[in-house]
Amino acid sequence: MNMQRINNFRMGGYLLLAVGLINLRYQTGKTSVLAHSLLLVIPGALLLASTFTSAGKGWLHTKAATAMVITCGGLLLIYSFIN
């Protein structure tokens, strides 16, 4: 398996976790900030967790999974800055 590819997915998971937690901290007082932050944190945690399991690694090596993770991750990152 290509570990560099798995490490890239891990960094993407860490990115979503960090952005979600930063969003939670700096938008304190805004209505429904927890829901918006969890929308970023949960996919990041799931992506990160999938890089540590053999089934997740196998799935992440497919082209469809790569396209889906890049698309969803990019949209979530854009959402974090717009919101």
PDB file of N, CA and C in Angstrom:
ATOM      1  N   MET A   1       0.833  -1.187   0.000  1.00  0.00           N
ATOM      2  CA  MET A   1       0.000   0.000   0.000  1.00  0.00           C
ATOM      3  C   MET A   1       0.879   1.252   0.000  1.00  0.00           C
ATOM      4  N   ASN A   2       0.370   2.261  -0.600  1.00  0.00           N
ATOM      5  CA  ASN A   2       1.098   3.522  -0.699  1.00  0.00           C
ATOM      6  C   ASN A   2       0.866   4.335   0.579  1.00  0.00           C
ATOM      7  N   MET A   3       1.879   4.382   1.451  1.00  0.00           N
ATOM      8  CA  MET A   3       1.732   5.076   2.733  1.00  0.00           C
ATOM      9  C   MET A   3       1.663   6.585   2.560  1.00  0.00           C
ATOM     10  N   GLN A   4       2.267   7.111   1.511  1.00  0.00           N
ATOM     11  CA  GLN A   4       2.196   8.557   1.295  1.00  0.00           C
ATOM     12  C   GLN A   4       0.747   8.986   1.044  1.00  0.00           C
ATOM     13  N   ARG A   5       0.029   8.174   0.314  1.00  0.00           N
ATOM     14  CA  ARG A   5      -1.378   8.479   0.041  1.00  0.00           C
ATOM     15  C   ARG A   5      -2.202   8.431   1.330  1.00  0.00           C
ATOM     16  N   ILE A   6      -1.944   7.426   2.168  1.00  0.00           N
ATOM     17  CA  ILE A   6      -2.654   7.318   3.449  1.00  0.00           C
ATOM     18  C   ILE A   6      -2.306   8.498   4.343  1.00  0.00           C
ATOM     19  N   ASN A   7      -1.040   8.909   4.350  1.00  0.00           N
ATOM     20  CA  ASN A   7      -0.639  10.074   5.149  1.00  0.00           C
ATOM     21  C   ASN A   7      -1.331  11.345   4.661  1.00  0.00           C
ATOM     22  N   ASN A   8      -1.537  11.472   3.367  1.00  0.00           N
ATOM     23  CA  ASN A   8      -2.270  12.624   2.842  1.00  0.00           C
ATOM     24  C   ASN A   8      -3.713  12.630   3.337  1.00  0.00           C
ATOM     25  N   PHE A   9      -4.340  11.459   3.375  1.00  0.00           N
ATOM     26  CA  PHE A   9      -5.696  11.377   3.909  1.00  0.00           C
ATOM     27  C   PHE A   9      -5.708  11.704   5.398  1.00  0.00           C
ATOM     28  N   ARG A  10      -4.685  11.264   6.130  1.00  0.00           N
ATOM     29  CA  ARG A  10      -4.602  11.598   7.561  1.00  0.00           C
ATOM     30  C   ARG A  10      -4.489  13.098   7.758  1.00  0.00           C
ATOM     31  N   MET A  11      -3.679  13.741   6.939  1.00  0.00           N
ATOM     32  CA  MET A  11      -3.536  15.194   7.058  1.00  0.00           C
ATOM     33  C   MET A  11      -4.856  15.895   6.742  1.00  0.00           C
ATOM     34  N   GLY A  12      -5.614  15.369   5.794  1.00  0.00           N
ATOM     35  CA  GLY A  12      -6.936  15.915   5.492  1.00  0.00           C
ATOM     36  C   GLY A  12      -7.885  15.746   6.668  1.00  0.00           C
ATOM     37  N   GLY A  13      -7.829  14.599   7.325  1.00  0.00           N
ATOM     38  CA  GLY A  13      -8.647  14.383   8.516  1.00  0.00           C
ATOM     39  C   GLY A  13      -8.266  15.334   9.641  1.00  0.00           C
ATOM     40  N   TYR A  14      -6.959  15.488   9.863  1.00  0.00           N
ATOM     41  CA  TYR A  14      -6.489  16.444  10.876  1.00  0.00           C
ATOM     42  C   TYR A  14      -6.924  17.869  10.530  1.00  0.00           C
ATOM     43  N   LEU A  15      -6.879  18.204   9.249  1.00  0.00           N
ATOM     44  CA  LEU A  15      -7.286  19.537   8.806  1.00  0.00           C
ATOM     45  C   LEU A  15      -8.737  19.815   9.164  1.00  0.00           C
ATOM     46  N   LEU A  16      -9.618  18.873   8.855  1.00  0.00           N
ATOM     47  CA  LEU A  16     -11.034  19.070   9.159  1.00  0.00           C
ATOM     48  C   LEU A  16     -11.282  19.137  10.665  1.00  0.00           C
ATOM     49  N   LEU A  17     -10.566  18.312  11.426  1.00  0.00           N
ATOM     50  CA  LEU A  17     -10.690  18.382  12.883  1.00  0.00           C
ATOM     51  C   LEU A  17     -10.257  19.745  13.401  1.00  0.00           C
ATOM     52  N   ALA A  18      -9.113  20.210  12.945  1.00  0.00           N
ATOM     53  CA  ALA A  18      -8.581  21.486  13.419  1.00  0.00           C
ATOM     54  C   ALA A  18      -9.494  22.649  13.040  1.00  0.00           C
ATOM     55  N   VAL A  19      -9.950  22.671  11.810  1.00  0.00           N
ATOM     56  CA  VAL A  19     -10.820  23.762  11.365  1.00  0.00           C
ATOM     57  C   VAL A  19     -12.133  23.745  12.150  1.00  0.00           C
ATOM     58  N   GLY A  20     -12.668  22.558  12.410  1.00  0.00           N
ATOM     59  CA  GLY A  20     -13.900  22.466  13.183  1.00  0.00           C
ATOM     60  C   GLY A  20     -13.726  22.950  14.611  1.00  0.00           C
ATOM     61  N   LEU A  21     -12.614  22.592  15.231  1.00  0.00           N
ATOM     62  CA  LEU A  21     -12.374  23.031  16.609  1.00  0.00           C
ATOM     63  C   LEU A  21     -12.060  24.521  16.676  1.00  0.00           C
ATOM     64  N   ILE A  22     -11.335  25.031  15.704  1.00  0.00           N
ATOM     65  CA  ILE A  22     -11.076  26.475  15.651  1.00  0.00           C
ATOM     66  C   ILE A  22     -12.384  27.231  15.444  1.00  0.00           C
ATOM     67  N   ASN A  23     -13.235  26.713  14.579  1.00  0.00           N
ATOM     68  CA  ASN A  23     -14.544  27.317  14.336  1.00  0.00           C
ATOM     69  C   ASN A  23     -15.357  27.352  15.623  1.00  0.00           C
ATOM     70  N   LEU A  24     -15.298  26.272  16.384  1.00  0.00           N
ATOM     71  CA  LEU A  24     -16.044  26.196  17.636  1.00  0.00           C
ATOM     72  C   LEU A  24     -15.561  27.247  18.623  1.00  0.00           C
ATOM     73  N   ARG A  25     -14.271  27.447  18.688  1.00  0.00           N
ATOM     74  CA  ARG A  25     -13.707  28.380  19.659  1.00  0.00           C
ATOM     75  C   ARG A  25     -13.950  29.836  19.272  1.00  0.00           C
ATOM     76  N   TYR A  26     -13.746  30.171  18.022  1.00  0.00           N
ATOM     77  CA  TYR A  26     -13.784  31.570  17.635  1.00  0.00           C
ATOM     78  C   TYR A  26     -15.163  32.096  17.262  1.00  0.00           C
ATOM     79  N   GLN A  27     -16.140  31.223  17.169  1.00  0.00           N
ATOM     80  CA  GLN A  27     -17.495  31.696  16.894  1.00  0.00           C
ATOM     81  C   GLN A  27     -18.406  31.472  18.088  1.00  0.00           C
ATOM     82  N   THR A  28     -17.817  31.478  19.270  1.00  0.00           N
ATOM     83  CA  THR A  28     -18.596  31.322  20.494  1.00  0.00           C
ATOM     84  C   THR A  28     -19.632  32.446  20.575  1.00  0.00           C
ATOM     85  N   GLY A  29     -20.828  32.103  20.918  1.00  0.00           N
ATOM     86  CA  GLY A  29     -21.903  33.089  21.013  1.00  0.00           C
ATOM     87  C   GLY A  29     -22.802  33.107  19.793  1.00  0.00           C
ATOM     88  N   LYS A  30     -22.320  32.591  18.685  1.00  0.00           N
ATOM     89  CA  LYS A  30     -23.145  32.520  17.482  1.00  0.00           C
ATOM     90  C   LYS A  30     -24.133  31.355  17.638  1.00  0.00           C
ATOM     91  N   THR A  31     -25.323  31.514  17.130  1.00  0.00           N
ATOM     92  CA  THR A  31     -26.314  30.452  17.261  1.00  0.00           C
ATOM     93  C   THR A  31     -25.907  29.235  16.448  1.00  0.00           C
ATOM     94  N   SER A  32     -26.164  28.082  16.982  1.00  0.00           N
ATOM     95  CA  SER A  32     -25.897  26.761  16.393  1.00  0.00           C
ATOM     96  C   SER A  32     -24.449  26.576  15.953  1.00  0.00           C
ATOM     97  N   VAL A  33     -23.514  27.128  16.712  1.00  0.00           N
ATOM     98  CA  VAL A  33     -22.104  26.968  16.374  1.00  0.00           C
ATOM     99  C   VAL A  33     -21.655  25.521  16.581  1.00  0.00           C
ATOM    100  N   LEU A  34     -22.229  24.829  17.550  1.00  0.00           N
ATOM    101  CA  LEU A  34     -21.850  23.441  17.793  1.00  0.00           C
ATOM    102  C   LEU A  34     -22.227  22.558  16.607  1.00  0.00           C
ATOM    103  N   ALA A  35     -23.400  22.768  16.051  1.00  0.00           N
ATOM    104  CA  ALA A  35     -23.826  21.972  14.889  1.00  0.00           C
ATOM    105  C   ALA A  35     -22.923  22.235  13.691  1.00  0.00           C
ATOM    106  N   HIS A  36     -22.555  23.482  13.481  1.00  0.00           N
ATOM    107  CA  HIS A  36     -21.684  23.809  12.355  1.00  0.00           C
ATOM    108  C   HIS A  36     -20.285  23.224  12.557  1.00  0.00           C
ATOM    109  N   SER A  37     -19.796  23.248  13.785  1.00  0.00           N
ATOM    110  CA  SER A  37     -18.475  22.706  14.053  1.00  0.00           C
ATOM    111  C   SER A  37     -18.472  21.185  13.952  1.00  0.00           C
ATOM    112  N   LEU A  38     -19.530  20.554  14.440  1.00  0.00           N
ATOM    113  CA  LEU A  38     -19.600  19.095  14.342  1.00  0.00           C
ATOM    114  C   LEU A  38     -19.715  18.628  12.900  1.00  0.00           C
ATOM    115  N   LEU A  39     -20.274  19.464  12.045  1.00  0.00           N
ATOM    116  CA  LEU A  39     -20.350  19.139  10.627  1.00  0.00           C
ATOM    117  C   LEU A  39     -18.958  19.023  10.021  1.00  0.00           C
ATOM    118  N   LEU A  40     -17.986  19.664  10.622  1.00  0.00           N
ATOM    119  CA  LEU A  40     -16.599  19.584  10.177  1.00  0.00           C
ATOM    120  C   LEU A  40     -15.819  18.528  10.951  1.00  0.00           C
ATOM    121  N   VAL A  41     -16.063  18.418  12.238  1.00  0.00           N
ATOM    122  CA  VAL A  41     -15.281  17.532  13.097  1.00  0.00           C
ATOM    123  C   VAL A  41     -15.598  16.062  12.828  1.00  0.00           C
ATOM    124  N   ILE A  42     -16.860  15.724  12.681  1.00  0.00           N
ATOM    125  CA  ILE A  42     -17.245  14.315  12.519  1.00  0.00           C
ATOM    126  C   ILE A  42     -16.677  13.700  11.235  1.00  0.00           C
ATOM    127  N   PRO A  43     -16.809  14.339  10.060  1.00  0.00           N
ATOM    128  CA  PRO A  43     -16.180  13.739   8.870  1.00  0.00           C
ATOM    129  C   PRO A  43     -14.658  13.658   8.994  1.00  0.00           C
ATOM    130  N   GLY A  44     -14.055  14.654   9.648  1.00  0.00           N
ATOM    131  CA  GLY A  44     -12.608  14.610   9.856  1.00  0.00           C
ATOM    132  C   GLY A  44     -12.201  13.442  10.727  1.00  0.00           C
ATOM    133  N   ALA A  45     -12.952  13.208  11.797  1.00  0.00           N
ATOM    134  CA  ALA A  45     -12.657  12.083  12.678  1.00  0.00           C
ATOM    135  C   ALA A  45     -12.879  10.748  11.975  1.00  0.00           C
ATOM    136  N   LEU A  46     -13.932  10.662  11.176  1.00  0.00           N
ATOM    137  CA  LEU A  46     -14.192   9.423  10.431  1.00  0.00           C
ATOM    138  C   LEU A  46     -13.094   9.148   9.403  1.00  0.00           C
ATOM    139  N   LEU A  47     -12.665  10.195   8.710  1.00  0.00           N
ATOM    140  CA  LEU A  47     -11.587  10.032   7.738  1.00  0.00           C
ATOM    141  C   LEU A  47     -10.300   9.615   8.431  1.00  0.00           C
ATOM    142  N   LEU A  48      -9.985  10.248   9.533  1.00  0.00           N
ATOM    143  CA  LEU A  48      -8.783   9.919  10.269  1.00  0.00           C
ATOM    144  C   LEU A  48      -8.839   8.486  10.796  1.00  0.00           C
ATOM    145  N   ALA A  49      -9.968   8.087  11.344  1.00  0.00           N
ATOM    146  CA  ALA A  49     -10.118   6.728  11.860  1.00  0.00           C
ATOM    147  C   ALA A  49     -10.014   5.693  10.745  1.00  0.00           C
ATOM    148  N   SER A  50     -10.520   6.015   9.562  1.00  0.00           N
ATOM    149  CA  SER A  50     -10.467   5.049   8.462  1.00  0.00           C
ATOM    150  C   SER A  50      -9.046   4.824   7.960  1.00  0.00           C
ATOM    151  N   THR A  51      -8.136   5.746   8.220  1.00  0.00           N
ATOM    152  CA  THR A  51      -6.756   5.550   7.780  1.00  0.00           C
ATOM    153  C   THR A  51      -5.997   4.584   8.678  1.00  0.00           C
ATOM    154  N   PHE A  52      -6.569   4.219   9.818  1.00  0.00           N
ATOM    155  CA  PHE A  52      -5.902   3.300  10.741  1.00  0.00           C
ATOM    156  C   PHE A  52      -6.440   1.886  10.667  1.00  0.00           C
ATOM    157  N   THR A  53      -7.511   1.647   9.912  1.00  0.00           N
ATOM    158  CA  THR A  53      -8.050   0.298   9.774  1.00  0.00           C
ATOM    159  C   THR A  53      -7.693  -0.260   8.408  1.00  0.00           C
ATOM    160  N   SER A  54      -7.570  -1.561   8.334  1.00  0.00           N
ATOM    161  CA  SER A  54      -7.196  -2.175   7.055  1.00  0.00           C
ATOM    162  C   SER A  54      -8.321  -2.032   6.022  1.00  0.00           C
ATOM    163  N   ALA A  55      -9.565  -2.135   6.471  1.00  0.00           N
ATOM    164  CA  ALA A  55     -10.689  -1.958   5.538  1.00  0.00           C
ATOM    165  C   ALA A  55     -10.737  -0.521   5.030  1.00  0.00           C
ATOM    166  N   GLY A  56     -10.508   0.427   5.912  1.00  0.00           N
ATOM    167  CA  GLY A  56     -10.497   1.836   5.511  1.00  0.00           C
ATOM    168  C   GLY A  56      -9.368   2.145   4.548  1.00  0.00           C
ATOM    169  N   LYS A  57      -8.197   1.582   4.815  1.00  0.00           N
ATOM    170  CA  LYS A  57      -7.059   1.797   3.914  1.00  0.00           C
ATOM    171  C   LYS A  57      -7.346   1.221   2.535  1.00  0.00           C
ATOM    172  N   GLY A  58      -7.947   0.035   2.529  1.00  0.00           N
ATOM    173  CA  GLY A  58      -8.288  -0.580   1.242  1.00  0.00           C
ATOM    174  C   GLY A  58      -9.280   0.260   0.465  1.00  0.00           C
ATOM    175  N   TRP A  59     -10.264   0.800   1.170  1.00  0.00           N
ATOM    176  CA  TRP A  59     -11.265   1.638   0.504  1.00  0.00           C
ATOM    177  C   TRP A  59     -10.654   2.939   0.018  1.00  0.00           C
ATOM    178  N   LEU A  60      -9.770   3.536   0.810  1.00  0.00           N
ATOM    179  CA  LEU A  60      -9.173   4.812   0.432  1.00  0.00           C
ATOM    180  C   LEU A  60      -8.234   4.700  -0.772  1.00  0.00           C
ATOM    181  N   HIS A  61      -7.792   3.496  -1.086  1.00  0.00           N
ATOM    182  CA  HIS A  61      -6.920   3.325  -2.248  1.00  0.00           C
ATOM    183  C   HIS A  61      -7.686   3.251  -3.563  1.00  0.00           C
ATOM    184  N   THR A  62      -9.017   3.264  -3.508  1.00  0.00           N
ATOM    185  CA  THR A  62      -9.788   3.253  -4.750  1.00  0.00           C
ATOM    186  C   THR A  62      -9.919   4.677  -5.284  1.00  0.00           C
ATOM    187  N   LYS A  63     -10.065   4.772  -6.590  1.00  0.00           N
ATOM    188  CA  LYS A  63     -10.192   6.099  -7.216  1.00  0.00           C
ATOM    189  C   LYS A  63     -11.495   6.786  -6.826  1.00  0.00           C
ATOM    190  N   ALA A  64     -12.551   6.014  -6.676  1.00  0.00           N
ATOM    191  CA  ALA A  64     -13.836   6.592  -6.289  1.00  0.00           C
ATOM    192  C   ALA A  64     -13.764   7.208  -4.897  1.00  0.00           C
ATOM    193  N   ALA A  65     -13.122   6.519  -3.978  1.00  0.00           N
ATOM    194  CA  ALA A  65     -12.978   7.050  -2.619  1.00  0.00           C
ATOM    195  C   ALA A  65     -12.129   8.309  -2.613  1.00  0.00           C
ATOM    196  N   THR A  66     -11.068   8.296  -3.381  1.00  0.00           N
ATOM    197  CA  THR A  66     -10.202   9.475  -3.452  1.00  0.00           C
ATOM    198  C   THR A  66     -10.979  10.678  -3.980  1.00  0.00           C
ATOM    199  N   ALA A  67     -11.743  10.484  -5.027  1.00  0.00           N
ATOM    200  CA  ALA A  67     -12.530  11.583  -5.590  1.00  0.00           C
ATOM    201  C   ALA A  67     -13.577  12.067  -4.590  1.00  0.00           C
ATOM    202  N   MET A  68     -14.219  11.138  -3.895  1.00  0.00           N
ATOM    203  CA  MET A  68     -15.251  11.515  -2.938  1.00  0.00           C
ATOM    204  C   MET A  68     -14.645  12.274  -1.753  1.00  0.00           C
ATOM    205  N   VAL A  69     -13.518  11.814  -1.247  1.00  0.00           N
ATOM    206  CA  VAL A  69     -12.891  12.476  -0.099  1.00  0.00           C
ATOM    207  C   VAL A  69     -12.393  13.867  -0.484  1.00  0.00           C
ATOM    208  N   ILE A  70     -11.792  13.992  -1.656  1.00  0.00           N
ATOM    209  CA  ILE A  70     -11.302  15.305  -2.085  1.00  0.00           C
ATOM    210  C   ILE A  70     -12.464  16.272  -2.287  1.00  0.00           C
ATOM    211  N   THR A  71     -13.533  15.816  -2.914  1.00  0.00           N
ATOM    212  CA  THR A  71     -14.690  16.674  -3.164  1.00  0.00           C
ATOM    213  C   THR A  71     -15.360  17.091  -1.855  1.00  0.00           C
ATOM    214  N   CYS A  72     -15.679  16.119  -1.015  1.00  0.00           N
ATOM    215  CA  CYS A  72     -16.345  16.436   0.254  1.00  0.00           C
ATOM    216  C   CYS A  72     -15.447  17.267   1.165  1.00  0.00           C
ATOM    217  N   GLY A  73     -14.168  16.926   1.229  1.00  0.00           N
ATOM    218  CA  GLY A  73     -13.241  17.691   2.054  1.00  0.00           C
ATOM    219  C   GLY A  73     -13.102  19.124   1.589  1.00  0.00           C
ATOM    220  N   GLY A  74     -13.018  19.311   0.298  1.00  0.00           N
ATOM    221  CA  GLY A  74     -12.929  20.665  -0.244  1.00  0.00           C
ATOM    222  C   GLY A  74     -14.179  21.477   0.013  1.00  0.00           C
ATOM    223  N   LEU A  75     -15.334  20.852  -0.162  1.00  0.00           N
ATOM    224  CA  LEU A  75     -16.594  21.551   0.102  1.00  0.00           C
ATOM    225  C   LEU A  75     -16.743  21.897   1.584  1.00  0.00           C
ATOM    226  N   LEU A  76     -16.328  20.978   2.458  1.00  0.00           N
ATOM    227  CA  LEU A  76     -16.397  21.269   3.890  1.00  0.00           C
ATOM    228  C   LEU A  76     -15.435  22.381   4.282  1.00  0.00           C
ATOM    229  N   LEU A  77     -14.284  22.411   3.658  1.00  0.00           N
ATOM    230  CA  LEU A  77     -13.326  23.478   3.951  1.00  0.00           C
ATOM    231  C   LEU A  77     -13.862  24.828   3.489  1.00  0.00           C
ATOM    232  N   ILE A  78     -14.470  24.867   2.309  1.00  0.00           N
ATOM    233  CA  ILE A  78     -15.091  26.102   1.831  1.00  0.00           C
ATOM    234  C   ILE A  78     -16.223  26.512   2.771  1.00  0.00           C
ATOM    235  N   TYR A  79     -17.025  25.547   3.199  1.00  0.00           N
ATOM    236  CA  TYR A  79     -18.111  25.815   4.130  1.00  0.00           C
ATOM    237  C   TYR A  79     -17.594  26.411   5.435  1.00  0.00           C
ATOM    238  N   SER A  80     -16.440  25.940   5.895  1.00  0.00           N
ATOM    239  CA  SER A  80     -15.912  26.457   7.165  1.00  0.00           C
ATOM    240  C   SER A  80     -15.532  27.923   7.073  1.00  0.00           C
ATOM    241  N   PHE A  81     -15.097  28.380   5.908  1.00  0.00           N
ATOM    242  CA  PHE A  81     -14.715  29.775   5.774  1.00  0.00           C
ATOM    243  C   PHE A  81     -15.902  30.671   5.448  1.00  0.00           C
ATOM    244  N   ILE A  82     -16.892  30.141   4.750  1.00  0.00           N
ATOM    245  CA  ILE A  82     -18.075  30.927   4.402  1.00  0.00           C
ATOM    246  C   ILE A  82     -18.950  31.124   5.624  1.00  0.00           C
ATOM    247  N   ASN A  83     -19.084  30.081   6.413  1.00  0.00           N
ATOM    248  CA  ASN A  83     -19.981  30.143   7.558  1.00  0.00           C
ATOM    249  C   ASN A  83     -19.399  30.987   8.613  1.00  0.00           C
TER     250      ASN A  83
END
